[in-house]
Amino acid sequence: MTHDYLISRIRTTVPAAVGALLAWLASAAGIVLDGDSSTALTAGVVALAMAGYYALVRVAEARWPWLGVLLGTPTVPKHVAPSR
């Protein structure tokens, strides 16, 4: 496993965990729906929270690189084209 692959996995997993945490906090705050709506809405909230969190951190990271730690590691993976 390459170092860049591990960095990319960390920087994907951390926003997913934050999205799940935000959805859990919403349910802990008393936001309760019926069973059918709850599953779909929870999945949507997690996805939106994850995407929003990732986008905000990436924008902030462009100005303040040390904020990359909010994605699990301040190191950005280097993507190279595969050799033929």
N, C-alpha and C. Protein backbone atom coordinates (compact mmCIF):
# COMPACT_ATOMS: atom_id res chain seq x y z
N MET A 1 0.86 -1.18 0.00
CA MET A 1 0.00 0.00 0.00
C MET A 1 0.90 1.24 0.00
N THR A 2 0.62 2.16 -0.92
CA THR A 2 1.45 3.35 -1.00
C THR A 2 1.02 4.37 0.05
N HIS A 3 1.95 5.25 0.36
CA HIS A 3 1.69 6.31 1.33
C HIS A 3 0.56 7.22 0.85
N ASP A 4 0.55 7.58 -0.44
CA ASP A 4 -0.49 8.45 -0.98
C ASP A 4 -1.87 7.78 -0.92
N TYR A 5 -1.92 6.48 -1.12
CA TYR A 5 -3.20 5.78 -1.03
C TYR A 5 -3.74 5.86 0.39
N LEU A 6 -2.90 5.65 1.37
CA LEU A 6 -3.32 5.73 2.76
C LEU A 6 -3.80 7.14 3.10
N ILE A 7 -3.10 8.15 2.64
CA ILE A 7 -3.52 9.53 2.88
C ILE A 7 -4.89 9.79 2.25
N SER A 8 -5.09 9.32 1.03
CA SER A 8 -6.38 9.55 0.36
C SER A 8 -7.51 8.83 1.10
N ARG A 9 -7.26 7.65 1.63
CA ARG A 9 -8.29 6.92 2.38
C ARG A 9 -8.64 7.67 3.67
N ILE A 10 -7.63 8.19 4.37
CA ILE A 10 -7.87 8.95 5.60
C ILE A 10 -8.71 10.18 5.28
N ARG A 11 -8.34 10.89 4.21
CA ARG A 11 -9.02 12.14 3.86
C ARG A 11 -10.42 11.90 3.29
N THR A 12 -10.78 10.67 3.01
CA THR A 12 -12.15 10.32 2.62
C THR A 12 -12.94 9.85 3.83
N THR A 13 -12.30 9.09 4.69
CA THR A 13 -12.97 8.51 5.86
C THR A 13 -13.34 9.56 6.90
N VAL A 14 -12.47 10.52 7.14
CA VAL A 14 -12.74 11.53 8.17
C VAL A 14 -14.01 12.33 7.84
N PRO A 15 -14.19 12.86 6.61
CA PRO A 15 -15.45 13.56 6.32
C PRO A 15 -16.68 12.66 6.45
N ALA A 16 -16.54 11.38 6.11
CA ALA A 16 -17.67 10.46 6.27
C ALA A 16 -18.03 10.32 7.75
N ALA A 17 -17.02 10.22 8.59
CA ALA A 17 -17.27 10.12 10.03
C ALA A 17 -17.90 11.40 10.57
N VAL A 18 -17.44 12.55 10.09
CA VAL A 18 -18.02 13.82 10.53
C VAL A 18 -19.48 13.91 10.07
N GLY A 19 -19.77 13.50 8.85
CA GLY A 19 -21.15 13.50 8.36
C GLY A 19 -22.05 12.61 9.21
N ALA A 20 -21.57 11.43 9.55
CA ALA A 20 -22.34 10.52 10.40
C ALA A 20 -22.54 11.12 11.79
N LEU A 21 -21.50 11.75 12.32
CA LEU A 21 -21.60 12.38 13.63
C LEU A 21 -22.64 13.50 13.63
N LEU A 22 -22.65 14.33 12.59
CA LEU A 22 -23.62 15.41 12.50
C LEU A 22 -25.05 14.87 12.41
N ALA A 23 -25.24 13.79 11.66
CA ALA A 23 -26.57 13.17 11.58
C ALA A 23 -26.98 12.61 12.94
N TRP A 24 -26.04 11.99 13.64
CA TRP A 24 -26.34 11.46 14.97
C TRP A 24 -26.69 12.58 15.94
N LEU A 25 -25.96 13.69 15.85
CA LEU A 25 -26.25 14.83 16.73
C LEU A 25 -27.66 15.38 16.47
N ALA A 26 -28.07 15.37 15.21
CA ALA A 26 -29.42 15.83 14.89
C ALA A 26 -30.46 14.93 15.53
N SER A 27 -30.24 13.62 15.49
CA SER A 27 -31.19 12.71 16.12
C SER A 27 -31.14 12.83 17.64
N ALA A 28 -29.95 13.06 18.20
CA ALA A 28 -29.82 13.24 19.64
C ALA A 28 -30.49 14.53 20.11
N ALA A 29 -30.59 15.49 19.19
CA ALA A 29 -31.23 16.77 19.53
C ALA A 29 -32.75 16.66 19.50
N GLY A 30 -33.25 15.47 19.17
CA GLY A 30 -34.69 15.26 19.21
C GLY A 30 -35.38 15.33 17.87
N ILE A 31 -34.62 15.41 16.79
CA ILE A 31 -35.23 15.41 15.46
C ILE A 31 -35.54 13.96 15.10
N VAL A 32 -36.81 13.59 15.19
CA VAL A 32 -37.22 12.20 14.98
C VAL A 32 -38.27 12.16 13.87
N LEU A 33 -38.12 11.21 12.96
CA LEU A 33 -39.07 11.02 11.86
C LEU A 33 -39.62 9.61 11.92
N ASP A 34 -40.65 9.34 11.12
CA ASP A 34 -41.15 7.97 11.03
C ASP A 34 -40.07 7.09 10.39
N GLY A 35 -40.21 5.79 10.58
CA GLY A 35 -39.18 4.84 10.14
C GLY A 35 -38.84 4.90 8.67
N ASP A 36 -39.85 5.01 7.79
CA ASP A 36 -39.59 5.03 6.35
C ASP A 36 -38.83 6.28 5.93
N SER A 37 -39.23 7.41 6.45
CA SER A 37 -38.57 8.67 6.08
C SER A 37 -37.20 8.79 6.74
N SER A 38 -37.09 8.25 7.91
CA SER A 38 -35.86 8.41 8.69
C SER A 38 -34.64 7.84 7.98
N THR A 39 -34.74 6.65 7.43
CA THR A 39 -33.60 6.02 6.77
C THR A 39 -33.11 6.84 5.58
N ALA A 40 -34.04 7.23 4.72
CA ALA A 40 -33.66 8.00 3.54
C ALA A 40 -33.12 9.36 3.92
N LEU A 41 -33.75 10.01 4.86
CA LEU A 41 -33.30 11.34 5.27
C LEU A 41 -31.94 11.28 5.95
N THR A 42 -31.74 10.27 6.78
CA THR A 42 -30.44 10.13 7.46
C THR A 42 -29.33 9.94 6.44
N ALA A 43 -29.57 9.09 5.45
CA ALA A 43 -28.56 8.87 4.41
C ALA A 43 -28.28 10.16 3.65
N GLY A 44 -29.32 10.91 3.36
CA GLY A 44 -29.13 12.19 2.66
C GLY A 44 -28.40 13.21 3.50
N VAL A 45 -28.74 13.29 4.78
CA VAL A 45 -28.07 14.25 5.67
C VAL A 45 -26.60 13.90 5.82
N VAL A 46 -26.31 12.61 5.96
CA VAL A 46 -24.90 12.19 6.07
C VAL A 46 -24.15 12.57 4.81
N ALA A 47 -24.73 12.29 3.65
CA ALA A 47 -24.05 12.61 2.38
C ALA A 47 -23.85 14.13 2.23
N LEU A 48 -24.87 14.91 2.54
CA LEU A 48 -24.73 16.37 2.42
C LEU A 48 -23.75 16.93 3.44
N ALA A 49 -23.81 16.43 4.66
CA ALA A 49 -22.88 16.90 5.69
C ALA A 49 -21.45 16.55 5.31
N MET A 50 -21.25 15.35 4.79
CA MET A 50 -19.91 14.93 4.38
C MET A 50 -19.38 15.81 3.25
N ALA A 51 -20.22 16.02 2.23
CA ALA A 51 -19.80 16.84 1.09
C ALA A 51 -19.54 18.28 1.51
N GLY A 52 -20.42 18.82 2.33
CA GLY A 52 -20.24 20.20 2.80
C GLY A 52 -18.99 20.36 3.64
N TYR A 53 -18.78 19.43 4.56
CA TYR A 53 -17.60 19.48 5.42
C TYR A 53 -16.32 19.40 4.58
N TYR A 54 -16.28 18.44 3.66
CA TYR A 54 -15.10 18.28 2.81
C TYR A 54 -14.84 19.54 1.99
N ALA A 55 -15.89 20.09 1.39
CA ALA A 55 -15.72 21.29 0.57
C ALA A 55 -15.22 22.47 1.39
N LEU A 56 -15.80 22.68 2.57
CA LEU A 56 -15.36 23.79 3.42
C LEU A 56 -13.91 23.64 3.86
N VAL A 57 -13.54 22.44 4.25
CA VAL A 57 -12.16 22.23 4.69
C VAL A 57 -11.19 22.41 3.52
N ARG A 58 -11.55 21.92 2.34
CA ARG A 58 -10.65 22.07 1.18
C ARG A 58 -10.47 23.55 0.81
N VAL A 59 -11.54 24.33 0.88
CA VAL A 59 -11.43 25.77 0.59
C VAL A 59 -10.54 26.44 1.63
N ALA A 60 -10.77 26.13 2.90
CA ALA A 60 -9.96 26.71 3.97
C ALA A 60 -8.51 26.24 3.86
N GLU A 61 -8.32 24.98 3.49
CA GLU A 61 -6.98 24.41 3.37
C GLU A 61 -6.17 25.10 2.26
N ALA A 62 -6.86 25.58 1.23
CA ALA A 62 -6.16 26.28 0.15
C ALA A 62 -5.49 27.55 0.67
N ARG A 63 -6.13 28.17 1.65
CA ARG A 63 -5.56 29.40 2.23
C ARG A 63 -4.65 29.10 3.41
N TRP A 64 -5.07 28.18 4.26
CA TRP A 64 -4.31 27.80 5.45
C TRP A 64 -4.04 26.30 5.41
N PRO A 65 -2.95 25.88 4.79
CA PRO A 65 -2.67 24.44 4.59
C PRO A 65 -2.72 23.59 5.85
N TRP A 66 -2.41 24.15 6.99
CA TRP A 66 -2.43 23.36 8.23
C TRP A 66 -3.83 22.86 8.57
N LEU A 67 -4.89 23.49 8.01
CA LEU A 67 -6.25 23.04 8.28
C LEU A 67 -6.57 21.69 7.64
N GLY A 68 -5.68 21.19 6.81
CA GLY A 68 -5.84 19.86 6.25
C GLY A 68 -5.95 18.79 7.33
N VAL A 69 -5.47 19.10 8.52
CA VAL A 69 -5.58 18.17 9.64
C VAL A 69 -7.04 17.85 9.94
N LEU A 70 -7.97 18.74 9.57
CA LEU A 70 -9.39 18.48 9.77
C LEU A 70 -9.92 17.38 8.85
N LEU A 71 -9.11 16.97 7.91
CA LEU A 71 -9.45 15.83 7.05
C LEU A 71 -8.69 14.58 7.49
N GLY A 72 -8.03 14.67 8.62
CA GLY A 72 -7.31 13.52 9.15
C GLY A 72 -5.81 13.61 9.01
N THR A 73 -5.35 14.33 8.01
CA THR A 73 -3.92 14.54 7.80
C THR A 73 -3.74 15.79 6.95
N PRO A 74 -2.75 16.63 7.29
CA PRO A 74 -2.54 17.84 6.49
C PRO A 74 -1.84 17.57 5.16
N THR A 75 -1.40 16.36 4.95
CA THR A 75 -0.70 16.00 3.71
C THR A 75 -1.71 15.69 2.61
N VAL A 76 -1.54 16.32 1.46
CA VAL A 76 -2.41 16.06 0.31
C VAL A 76 -1.77 14.96 -0.53
N PRO A 77 -2.52 13.93 -0.91
CA PRO A 77 -1.92 12.87 -1.72
C PRO A 77 -1.54 13.40 -3.10
N LYS A 78 -0.48 12.86 -3.64
CA LYS A 78 -0.04 13.25 -4.99
C LYS A 78 -0.58 12.20 -5.97
N HIS A 79 -1.40 12.65 -6.89
CA HIS A 79 -1.98 11.75 -7.87
C HIS A 79 -1.16 11.82 -9.16
N VAL A 80 -0.71 10.68 -9.60
CA VAL A 80 0.06 10.63 -10.84
C VAL A 80 -0.65 9.72 -11.83
N ALA A 81 -0.52 10.06 -13.08
CA ALA A 81 -1.14 9.25 -14.13
C ALA A 81 -0.46 7.88 -14.18
N PRO A 82 -1.23 6.82 -14.35
CA PRO A 82 -0.63 5.49 -14.43
C PRO A 82 0.23 5.36 -15.67
N SER A 83 1.32 4.64 -15.55
CA SER A 83 2.20 4.43 -16.72
C SER A 83 1.58 3.37 -17.61
N ARG A 84 1.85 3.48 -18.88
CA ARG A 84 1.26 2.53 -19.86
C ARG A 84 2.14 1.37 -20.09
